[in-house]
C-alpha atoms as a PDB file:
ATOM      1  CA  MET A   1     101.405  92.858  73.377  1.00  0.00           C
ATOM      2  CA  ASN A   2     104.740  92.560  75.156  1.00  0.00           C
ATOM      3  CA  ASN A   3     105.441  88.819  75.016  1.00  0.00           C
ATOM      4  CA  ASN A   4     108.696  89.386  76.918  1.00  0.00           C
ATOM      5  CA  LEU A   5     106.672  90.230  80.033  1.00  0.00           C
ATOM      6  CA  LEU A   6     103.815  87.733  79.635  1.00  0.00           C
ATOM      7  CA  LYS A   7     104.613  84.381  81.197  1.00  0.00           C
ATOM      8  CA  TYR A   8     102.602  81.291  81.984  1.00  0.00           C
ATOM      9  CA  PHE A   9     104.216  79.312  84.788  1.00  0.00           C
ATOM     10  CA  ASN A  10     103.714  76.578  87.374  1.00  0.00           C
ATOM     11  CA  PHE A  11     105.066  75.735  90.801  1.00  0.00           C
ATOM     12  CA  ASN A  12     106.557  72.391  89.739  1.00  0.00           C
ATOM     13  CA  GLU A  13     110.231  73.396  89.992  1.00  0.00           C
ATOM     14  CA  THR A  14     111.067  73.086  93.680  1.00  0.00           C
ATOM     15  CA  THR A  15     113.898  73.498  96.182  1.00  0.00           C
ATOM     16  CA  THR A  16     114.105  71.724  99.547  1.00  0.00           C
ATOM     17  CA  SER A  17     115.635  73.389 102.598  1.00  0.00           C
ATOM     18  CA  ASP A  18     115.066  72.687 106.309  1.00  0.00           C
ATOM     19  CA  ASN A  19     112.268  70.173 105.541  1.00  0.00           C
ATOM     20  CA  CYS A  20     110.414  72.849 103.592  1.00  0.00           C
ATOM     21  CA  ILE A  21     109.756  72.541  99.849  1.00  0.00           C
ATOM     22  CA  SER A  22     109.556  75.890  98.056  1.00  0.00           C
ATOM     23  CA  SER A  23     108.792  77.081  94.560  1.00  0.00           C
ATOM     24  CA  VAL A  24     108.957  80.702  93.470  1.00  0.00           C
ATOM     25  CA  HIS A  25     107.784  82.799  90.556  1.00  0.00           C
ATOM     26  CA  ARG A  26     109.571  86.140  90.143  1.00  0.00           C
ATOM     27  CA  GLY A  27     107.578  88.717  88.210  1.00  0.00           C
ATOM     28  CA  TRP A  28     108.702  91.485  85.884  1.00  0.00           C
ATOM     29  CA  SER A  29     107.915  94.342  88.329  1.00  0.00           C
ATOM     30  CA  GLY A  30     109.619  92.794  91.362  1.00  0.00           C
ATOM     31  CA  LEU A  31     106.565  90.836  92.547  1.00  0.00           C
ATOM     32  CA  LEU A  32     107.296  87.380  94.029  1.00  0.00           C
ATOM     33  CA  ILE A  33     104.947  84.477  94.657  1.00  0.00           C
ATOM     34  CA  ILE A  34     106.425  81.757  96.866  1.00  0.00           C
ATOM     35  CA  LYS A  35     104.705  78.415  97.418  1.00  0.00           C
ATOM     36  CA  LEU A  36     105.746  76.612 100.613  1.00  0.00           C
ATOM     37  CA  GLU A  37     105.078  72.968 101.469  1.00  0.00           C
ATOM     38  CA  ILE A  38     106.062  72.672 105.115  1.00  0.00           C
ATOM     39  CA  SER A  39     106.436  69.318 106.863  1.00  0.00           C
ATOM     40  CA  LYS A  40     104.963  68.745 110.315  1.00  0.00           C
ATOM     41  CA  GLY A  41     107.445  69.758 113.008  1.00  0.00           C
ATOM     42  CA  SER A  42     109.415  72.094 110.721  1.00  0.00           C
ATOM     43  CA  ILE A  43     109.962  75.801 111.374  1.00  0.00           C
ATOM     44  CA  VAL A  44     109.959  78.759 108.998  1.00  0.00           C
ATOM     45  CA  ASP A  45     111.529  81.851 110.556  1.00  0.00           C
ATOM     46  CA  ASN A  46     113.687  84.926 109.881  1.00  0.00           C
ATOM     47  CA  THR A  47     116.697  82.760 109.149  1.00  0.00           C
ATOM     48  CA  TYR A  48     114.813  80.671 106.583  1.00  0.00           C
ATOM     49  CA  ILE A  49     113.611  83.774 104.722  1.00  0.00           C
ATOM     50  CA  GLN A  50     117.022  85.458 104.817  1.00  0.00           C
ATOM     51  CA  ASN A  51     118.818  82.313 103.640  1.00  0.00           C
ATOM     52  CA  ASN A  52     116.411  81.432 100.850  1.00  0.00           C
ATOM     53  CA  PHE A  53     114.697  84.682  99.828  1.00  0.00           C
ATOM     54  CA  PHE A  54     117.020  87.462 100.945  1.00  0.00           C
ATOM     55  CA  GLU A  55     115.564  89.812  98.323  1.00  0.00           C
ATOM     56  CA  ILE A  56     112.364  90.178 100.382  1.00  0.00           C
ATOM     57  CA  SER A  57     114.071  90.523 103.762  1.00  0.00           C
ATOM     58  CA  ASN A  58     112.631  93.579 105.566  1.00  0.00           C
ATOM     59  CA  LYS A  59     110.040  93.964 102.805  1.00  0.00           C
ATOM     60  CA  GLU A  60     106.260  93.799 103.069  1.00  0.00           C
ATOM     61  CA  LYS A  61     105.253  90.109 103.000  1.00  0.00           C
ATOM     62  CA  ILE A  62     101.834  88.430 103.136  1.00  0.00           C
ATOM     63  CA  LEU A  63     101.658  84.750 104.107  1.00  0.00           C
ATOM     64  CA  THR A  64      98.426  82.786 103.595  1.00  0.00           C
ATOM     65  CA  VAL A  65      97.735  79.205 104.689  1.00  0.00           C
ATOM     66  CA  ILE A  66      95.889  77.072 102.125  1.00  0.00           C
ATOM     67  CA  SER A  67      95.823  73.839 104.134  1.00  0.00           C
ATOM     68  CA  GLY A  68      97.337  72.523 107.346  1.00  0.00           C
ATOM     69  CA  LYS A  69      98.156  74.363 110.574  1.00  0.00           C
ATOM     70  CA  LEU A  70     100.903  76.780 111.657  1.00  0.00           C
ATOM     71  CA  GLU A  71     101.607  78.339 115.031  1.00  0.00           C
ATOM     72  CA  ALA A  72     102.843  81.866 114.349  1.00  0.00           C
ATOM     73  CA  THR A  73     104.794  83.882 116.916  1.00  0.00           C
ATOM     74  CA  PHE A  74     106.079  87.434 116.356  1.00  0.00           C
ATOM     75  CA  ASP A  75     108.539  89.264 118.599  1.00  0.00           C
ATOM     76  CA  ASN A  76     107.872  86.626 121.301  1.00  0.00           C
ATOM     77  CA  LYS A  77     104.471  88.263 121.903  1.00  0.00           C
ATOM     78  CA  ALA A  78     101.838  88.045 119.165  1.00  0.00           C
ATOM     79  CA  GLN A  79     100.756  84.418 118.746  1.00  0.00           C
ATOM     80  CA  LYS A  80      98.229  82.941 116.361  1.00  0.00           C
ATOM     81  CA  ILE A  81      97.161  79.473 115.186  1.00  0.00           C
ATOM     82  CA  MET A  82      96.834  79.747 111.408  1.00  0.00           C
ATOM     83  CA  GLU A  83      94.623  77.405 109.379  1.00  0.00           C
ATOM     84  CA  GLU A  84      92.751  77.573 106.053  1.00  0.00           C
ATOM     85  CA  TYR A  85      92.827  81.120 104.566  1.00  0.00           C
ATOM     86  CA  ASP A  86      94.369  82.563 107.748  1.00  0.00           C
ATOM     87  CA  SER A  87      96.903  85.194 106.710  1.00  0.00           C
ATOM     88  CA  VAL A  88      99.468  87.545 108.169  1.00  0.00           C
ATOM     89  CA  SER A  89     101.115  90.623 106.714  1.00  0.00           C
ATOM     90  CA  PHE A  90     104.494  91.640 108.144  1.00  0.00           C
ATOM     91  CA  SER A  91     107.639  93.484 107.093  1.00  0.00           C
ATOM     92  CA  SER A  92     110.729  93.708 109.291  1.00  0.00           C
ATOM     93  CA  ASP A  93     113.005  90.694 109.601  1.00  0.00           C
ATOM     94  CA  GLN A  94     114.837  92.378 112.478  1.00  0.00           C
ATOM     95  CA  LYS A  95     112.025  91.260 114.783  1.00  0.00           C
ATOM     96  CA  LYS A  96     112.091  87.549 115.607  1.00  0.00           C
ATOM     97  CA  TYR A  97     109.244  85.480 114.162  1.00  0.00           C
ATOM     98  CA  THR A  98     108.574  81.759 113.799  1.00  0.00           C
ATOM     99  CA  PHE A  99     106.002  79.613 112.039  1.00  0.00           C
ATOM    100  CA  ILE A 100     105.940  76.173 113.686  1.00  0.00           C
ATOM    101  CA  CYS A 101     104.235  73.579 111.518  1.00  0.00           C
ATOM    102  CA  GLU A 102     101.736  71.534 113.566  1.00  0.00           C
ATOM    103  CA  GLU A 103     100.318  69.728 110.508  1.00  0.00           C
ATOM    104  CA  ASP A 104     101.710  69.351 106.984  1.00  0.00           C
ATOM    105  CA  THR A 105     100.965  72.770 105.506  1.00  0.00           C
ATOM    106  CA  VAL A 106     100.706  74.454 102.126  1.00  0.00           C
ATOM    107  CA  ALA A 107     101.086  78.243 102.186  1.00  0.00           C
ATOM    108  CA  PHE A 108     101.873  81.118  99.829  1.00  0.00           C
ATOM    109  CA  ILE A 109     103.929  84.241 100.419  1.00  0.00           C
ATOM    110  CA  VAL A 110     103.355  87.346  98.291  1.00  0.00           C
ATOM    111  CA  ALA A 111     106.019  90.067  98.369  1.00  0.00           C
ATOM    112  CA  SER A 112     107.920  92.510  96.185  1.00  0.00           C
ATOM    113  CA  ARG A 113     111.662  93.031  96.164  1.00  0.00           C
ATOM    114  CA  ASP A 114     111.148  96.628  94.979  1.00  0.00           C
ATOM    115  CA  VAL A 115     109.208  98.020  97.955  1.00  0.00           C
ATOM    116  CA  GLU A 116     111.183 100.048 100.460  1.00  0.00           C
ATOM    117  CA  ASP A 117     112.794  98.336 103.447  1.00  0.00           C
ATOM    118  CA  SER A 118     110.954  98.656 106.745  1.00  0.00           C
ATOM    119  CA  ASN A 119     112.155  98.462 110.345  1.00  0.00           C
ATOM    120  CA  TYR A 120     108.535  98.152 111.482  1.00  0.00           C
ATOM    121  CA  LEU A 121     106.886  94.787 111.990  1.00  0.00           C
ATOM    122  CA  ASP A 122     103.601  96.203 110.591  1.00  0.00           C
ATOM    123  CA  LEU A 123     101.793  93.086 111.783  1.00  0.00           C
ATOM    124  CA  VAL A 124      98.287  92.374 110.497  1.00  0.00           C
ATOM    125  CA  PHE A 125      96.391  89.088 110.999  1.00  0.00           C
ATOM    126  CA  PHE A 126      93.307  88.333 108.908  1.00  0.00           C
ATOM    127  CA  ASN A 127      91.318  85.530 107.326  1.00  0.00           C
ATOM    128  CA  PHE A 128      90.244  85.956 103.718  1.00  0.00           C
ATOM    129  CA  LYS A 129      86.856  84.324 104.289  1.00  0.00           C
ATOM    130  CA  LYS A 130      86.052  85.834 107.700  1.00  0.00           C
ATOM    131  CA  ASP A 131      87.627  89.300 107.676  1.00  0.00           C
ATOM    132  CA  ILE A 132      87.810  90.568 104.098  1.00  0.00           C
ATOM    133  CA  GLN A 133      84.709  92.208 102.667  1.00  0.00           C
ATOM    134  CA  VAL A 134      83.251  90.377  99.680  1.00  0.00           C
ATOM    135  CA  ILE A 135      83.055  92.264  96.396  1.00  0.00           C
ATOM    136  CA  ASP A 136      80.301  90.892  94.156  1.00  0.00           C
ATOM    137  CA  LEU A 137      81.376  91.278  90.526  1.00  0.00           C
ATOM    138  CA  TRP A 138      79.450  90.492  87.347  1.00  0.00           C
ATOM    139  CA  GLY A 139      76.149  89.696  89.036  1.00  0.00           C
ATOM    140  CA  GLY A 140      77.587  87.202  91.486  1.00  0.00           C
ATOM    141  CA  LYS A 141      79.602  85.252  88.915  1.00  0.00           C
ATOM    142  CA  ILE A 142      82.928  86.371  90.403  1.00  0.00           C
ATOM    143  CA  ILE A 143      83.312  86.786  94.147  1.00  0.00           C
ATOM    144  CA  SER A 144      86.476  88.644  95.143  1.00  0.00           C
ATOM    145  CA  ARG A 145      87.995  89.279  98.557  1.00  0.00           C
ATOM    146  CA  PRO A 146      90.757  91.909  98.140  1.00  0.00           C
ATOM    147  CA  TYR A 147      93.274  92.565 100.896  1.00  0.00           C
ATOM    148  CA  GLU A 148      94.903  96.003 100.658  1.00  0.00           C
ATOM    149  CA  GLY A 149      98.453  96.041 101.941  1.00  0.00           C
ATOM    150  CA  LYS A 150     100.775  99.017 102.105  1.00  0.00           C
ATOM    151  CA  LYS A 151     102.108  98.507  98.583  1.00  0.00           C
ATOM    152  CA  LEU A 152     100.488  95.233  97.472  1.00  0.00           C
ATOM    153  CA  ASN A 153      97.047  93.850  96.730  1.00  0.00           C
ATOM    154  CA  PHE A 154      96.344  90.176  97.406  1.00  0.00           C
ATOM    155  CA  VAL A 155      92.941  88.926  96.225  1.00  0.00           C
ATOM    156  CA  LEU A 156      91.123  85.626  96.768  1.00  0.00           C
ATOM    157  CA  PHE A 157      88.614  84.971  93.977  1.00  0.00           C
ATOM    158  CA  GLU A 158      85.933  82.404  93.211  1.00  0.00           C
ATOM    159  CA  ILE A 159      84.576  82.189  89.656  1.00  0.00           C
ATOM    160  CA  LYS A 160      81.465  80.199  88.810  1.00  0.00           C
ATOM    161  CA  LYS A 161      81.514  77.582  86.071  1.00  0.00           C
ATOM    162  CA  GLY A 162      80.762  78.806  82.551  1.00  0.00           C
ATOM    163  CA  PHE A 163      81.400  82.476  83.228  1.00  0.00           C
ATOM    164  CA  LYS A 164      83.395  84.400  80.636  1.00  0.00           C
ATOM    165  CA  PHE A 165      85.186  87.599  81.606  1.00  0.00           C
ATOM    166  CA  ASP A 166      87.409  90.154  79.880  1.00  0.00           C
ATOM    167  CA  ASP A 167      89.725  92.798  81.341  1.00  0.00           C
ATOM    168  CA  PRO A 168      91.068  95.611  79.122  1.00  0.00           C
ATOM    169  CA  GLY A 169      94.337  95.667  81.080  1.00  0.00           C
ATOM    170  CA  HIS A 170      96.116  97.930  83.583  1.00  0.00           C
ATOM    171  CA  LEU A 171      99.553  99.276  84.418  1.00  0.00           C
ATOM    172  CA  ASN A 172     100.008  97.065  87.487  1.00  0.00           C
ATOM    173  CA  GLU A 173     101.688  93.688  87.280  1.00  0.00           C
ATOM    174  CA  GLN A 174      99.090  90.975  87.874  1.00  0.00           C
ATOM    175  CA  ILE A 175     100.026  87.428  88.813  1.00  0.00           C
ATOM    176  CA  THR A 176      97.115  84.977  88.870  1.00  0.00           C
ATOM    177  CA  TRP A 177      97.223  81.338  89.981  1.00  0.00           C
ATOM    178  CA  LEU A 178      94.704  78.641  90.886  1.00  0.00           C
ATOM    179  CA  ILE A 179      94.336  76.421  93.937  1.00  0.00           C
ATOM    180  CA  LYS A 180      91.113  74.644  92.866  1.00  0.00           C
ATOM    181  CA  GLY A 181      89.241  74.031  89.602  1.00  0.00           C
ATOM    182  CA  SER A 182      90.349  75.178  86.168  1.00  0.00           C
ATOM    183  CA  MET A 183      89.851  77.938  83.629  1.00  0.00           C
ATOM    184  CA  ASN A 184      90.801  78.757  80.062  1.00  0.00           C
ATOM    185  CA  PHE A 185      92.837  81.944  80.277  1.00  0.00           C
ATOM    186  CA  TYR A 186      94.074  84.278  77.572  1.00  0.00           C
ATOM    187  CA  VAL A 187      96.407  87.241  77.359  1.00  0.00           C
ATOM    188  CA  GLY A 188      96.107  88.915  73.970  1.00  0.00           C
ATOM    189  CA  ASP A 189      96.001  85.991  71.526  1.00  0.00           C
ATOM    190  CA  ILE A 190      97.945  83.555  73.755  1.00  0.00           C
ATOM    191  CA  LYS A 191      95.699  80.999  75.460  1.00  0.00           C
ATOM    192  CA  LYS A 192      96.272  78.314  78.084  1.00  0.00           C
ATOM    193  CA  THR A 193      94.216  76.142  80.428  1.00  0.00           C
ATOM    194  CA  LEU A 194      95.078  76.869  84.063  1.00  0.00           C
ATOM    195  CA  SER A 195      94.767  74.156  86.698  1.00  0.00           C
ATOM    196  CA  PRO A 196      95.857  74.088  90.360  1.00  0.00           C
ATOM    197  CA  ASN A 197      99.570  74.878  90.591  1.00  0.00           C
ATOM    198  CA  ASP A 198      99.432  76.868  87.314  1.00  0.00           C
ATOM    199  CA  GLY A 199      99.626  80.628  86.957  1.00  0.00           C
ATOM    200  CA  VAL A 200     100.008  83.530  84.574  1.00  0.00           C
ATOM    201  CA  ASP A 201     101.986  86.780  84.832  1.00  0.00           C
ATOM    202  CA  VAL A 202     100.253  89.581  82.906  1.00  0.00           C
ATOM    203  CA  GLY A 203     102.210  92.444  81.344  1.00  0.00           C
ATOM    204  CA  PRO A 204     101.211  96.139  81.533  1.00  0.00           C
ATOM    205  CA  HIS A 205      98.028  97.225  79.721  1.00  0.00           C
ATOM    206  CA  GLU A 206      97.485  93.757  78.234  1.00  0.00           C
ATOM    207  CA  LYS A 207      93.948  92.593  77.573  1.00  0.00           C
ATOM    208  CA  HIS A 208      93.248  89.344  79.398  1.00  0.00           C
ATOM    209  CA  GLY A 209      90.416  87.144  80.582  1.00  0.00           C
ATOM    210  CA  GLY A 210      88.987  83.688  80.219  1.00  0.00           C
ATOM    211  CA  ILE A 211      86.210  81.153  80.677  1.00  0.00           C
ATOM    212  CA  SER A 212      85.905  79.415  84.025  1.00  0.00           C
ATOM    213  CA  ASP A 213      85.181  75.744  84.632  1.00  0.00           C
ATOM    214  CA  GLY A 214      84.675  76.700  88.261  1.00  0.00           C
ATOM    215  CA  ALA A 215      87.831  78.039  89.836  1.00  0.00           C
ATOM    216  CA  ILE A 216      89.295  79.355  93.100  1.00  0.00           C
ATOM    217  CA  GLY A 217      92.566  81.207  93.066  1.00  0.00           C
ATOM    218  CA  PHE A 218      94.492  84.361  93.823  1.00  0.00           C
ATOM    219  CA  ASP A 219      95.495  87.601  92.136  1.00  0.00           C
ATOM    220  CA  ALA A 220      98.492  89.584  93.349  1.00  0.00           C
ATOM    221  CA  PHE A 221      99.114  93.148  92.147  1.00  0.00           C
ATOM    222  CA  TYR A 222     102.134  95.436  92.374  1.00  0.00           C
ATOM    223  CA  PRO A 223     101.994  98.335  92.622  1.00  0.00           C
ATOM    224  CA  LYS A 224      98.649  98.041  94.352  1.00  0.00           C
ATOM    225  CA  ARG A 225      95.482  99.015  92.517  1.00  0.00           C
ATOM    226  CA  GLU A 226      94.012 102.452  93.166  1.00  0.00           C
ATOM    227  CA  GLU A 227      90.408 101.662  92.231  1.00  0.00           C
ATOM    228  CA  LYS A 228      87.907 101.883  95.088  1.00  0.00           C
ATOM    229  CA  LYS A 229      86.985  98.188  94.854  1.00  0.00           C
ATOM    230  CA  TYR A 230      90.542  97.246  95.853  1.00  0.00           C
ATOM    231  CA  LYS A 231      90.547  99.486  98.945  1.00  0.00           C
ATOM    232  CA  ASN A 232      89.733  98.203 102.431  1.00  0.00           C
ATOM    233  CA  ASN A 233      87.410 100.023 104.812  1.00  0.00           C
ATOM    234  CA  PRO A 234      89.372 102.020 107.466  1.00  0.00           C
ATOM    235  CA  VAL A 235      87.194 100.494 110.193  1.00  0.00           C
ATOM    236  CA  ASP A 236      88.218  97.022 109.039  1.00  0.00           C
ATOM    237  CA  LYS A 237      91.870  98.109 109.162  1.00  0.00           C
ATOM    238  CA  VAL A 238      91.422  99.211 112.779  1.00  0.00           C
ATOM    239  CA  LYS A 239      89.822  95.871 113.655  1.00  0.00           C
ATOM    240  CA  ARG A 240      92.744  93.974 112.128  1.00  0.00           C
ATOM    241  CA  SER A 241      95.214  96.166 114.037  1.00  0.00           C
ATOM    242  CA  ILE A 242      93.376  95.444 117.295  1.00  0.00           C
ATOM    243  CA  LYS A 243      93.579  91.727 116.535  1.00  0.00           C
ATOM    244  CA  ALA A 244      97.355  92.005 116.098  1.00  0.00           C
ATOM    245  CA  TYR A 245      98.290  94.623 118.720  1.00  0.00           C
ATOM    246  CA  GLY A 246      95.370  95.130 121.116  1.00  0.00           C
ATOM    247  CA  TYR A 247      93.411  98.333 121.791  1.00  0.00           C
ATOM    248  CA  THR A 248      96.081 100.441 123.500  1.00  0.00           C
ATOM    249  CA  LYS A 249      98.860  99.869 120.985  1.00  0.00           C
ATOM    250  CA  THR A 250      96.443 100.334 118.098  1.00  0.00           C
ATOM    251  CA  PHE A 251      95.457 103.733 119.505  1.00  0.00           C
ATOM    252  CA  PHE A 252      99.085 104.888 119.655  1.00  0.00           C
ATOM    253  CA  ARG A 253      99.823 103.413 116.215  1.00  0.00           C
ATOM    254  CA  ILE A 254      97.009 105.513 114.731  1.00  0.00           C
ATOM    255  CA  LEU A 255      98.341 108.639 116.443  1.00  0.00           C
ATOM    256  CA  LYS A 256     101.870 107.975 115.195  1.00  0.00           C
ATOM    257  CA  TYR A 257     101.162 106.964 111.581  1.00  0.00           C
ATOM    258  CA  PRO A 258      97.448 106.675 110.794  1.00  0.00           C
ATOM    259  CA  PHE A 259      96.994 103.836 108.274  1.00  0.00           C
ATOM    260  CA  ARG A 260     100.517 104.287 106.983  1.00  0.00           C
ATOM    261  CA  LYS A 261     100.818 103.086 103.389  1.00  0.00           C
END
């Protein structure tokens, strides 16, 4: 086991800027997990990202709201009220965007500094609970909702109390963290109890798993997983594009770069 790559972490070390509290975990493959605590009336926009997280400027980014309410506006056109589990994937920071905080909000951003820059907005709105197909693993003991981005996977999971699971490992970096409940997690022979605000960064091909006390959390993978269970249905991708761009623009987007990865 490569202990230099394995890392348990938490989001306790914070930085405050523009009435927004942030905490970041930077993974070994370039993967970043950013926790944002945004005060009512504050704004997160291009300038905030460029000033605080320049390494992911013009990179694929996925923002998910855990609690609170944001009003999202992209390129002065696409607008969306974002609440629990509402999410948006976007790339270019050359297009103006703003997230106006209408209620105190907790959100996460998943990104990778190693993906190629993009001049496209590549806007996708979705809700993990409403729009992402449920994958029933282990006889209903683990319910996963995987979102397939261009280069990233972002997965919401729910694990029932008392369930034990083991994963033989994979090449992809995996960062796992909890938002509710707890679980006893292991990587190789290193064990730790994870609670909300705690996470673990798994190295390549490392056996890992745990026993759940009832937990809800997220997995992020880079590069994205190639197994079928981590892929999204093309029809669902079209529906999400229509939600972001409308029917006409979606049609021309498909003609120009069908489901570009």
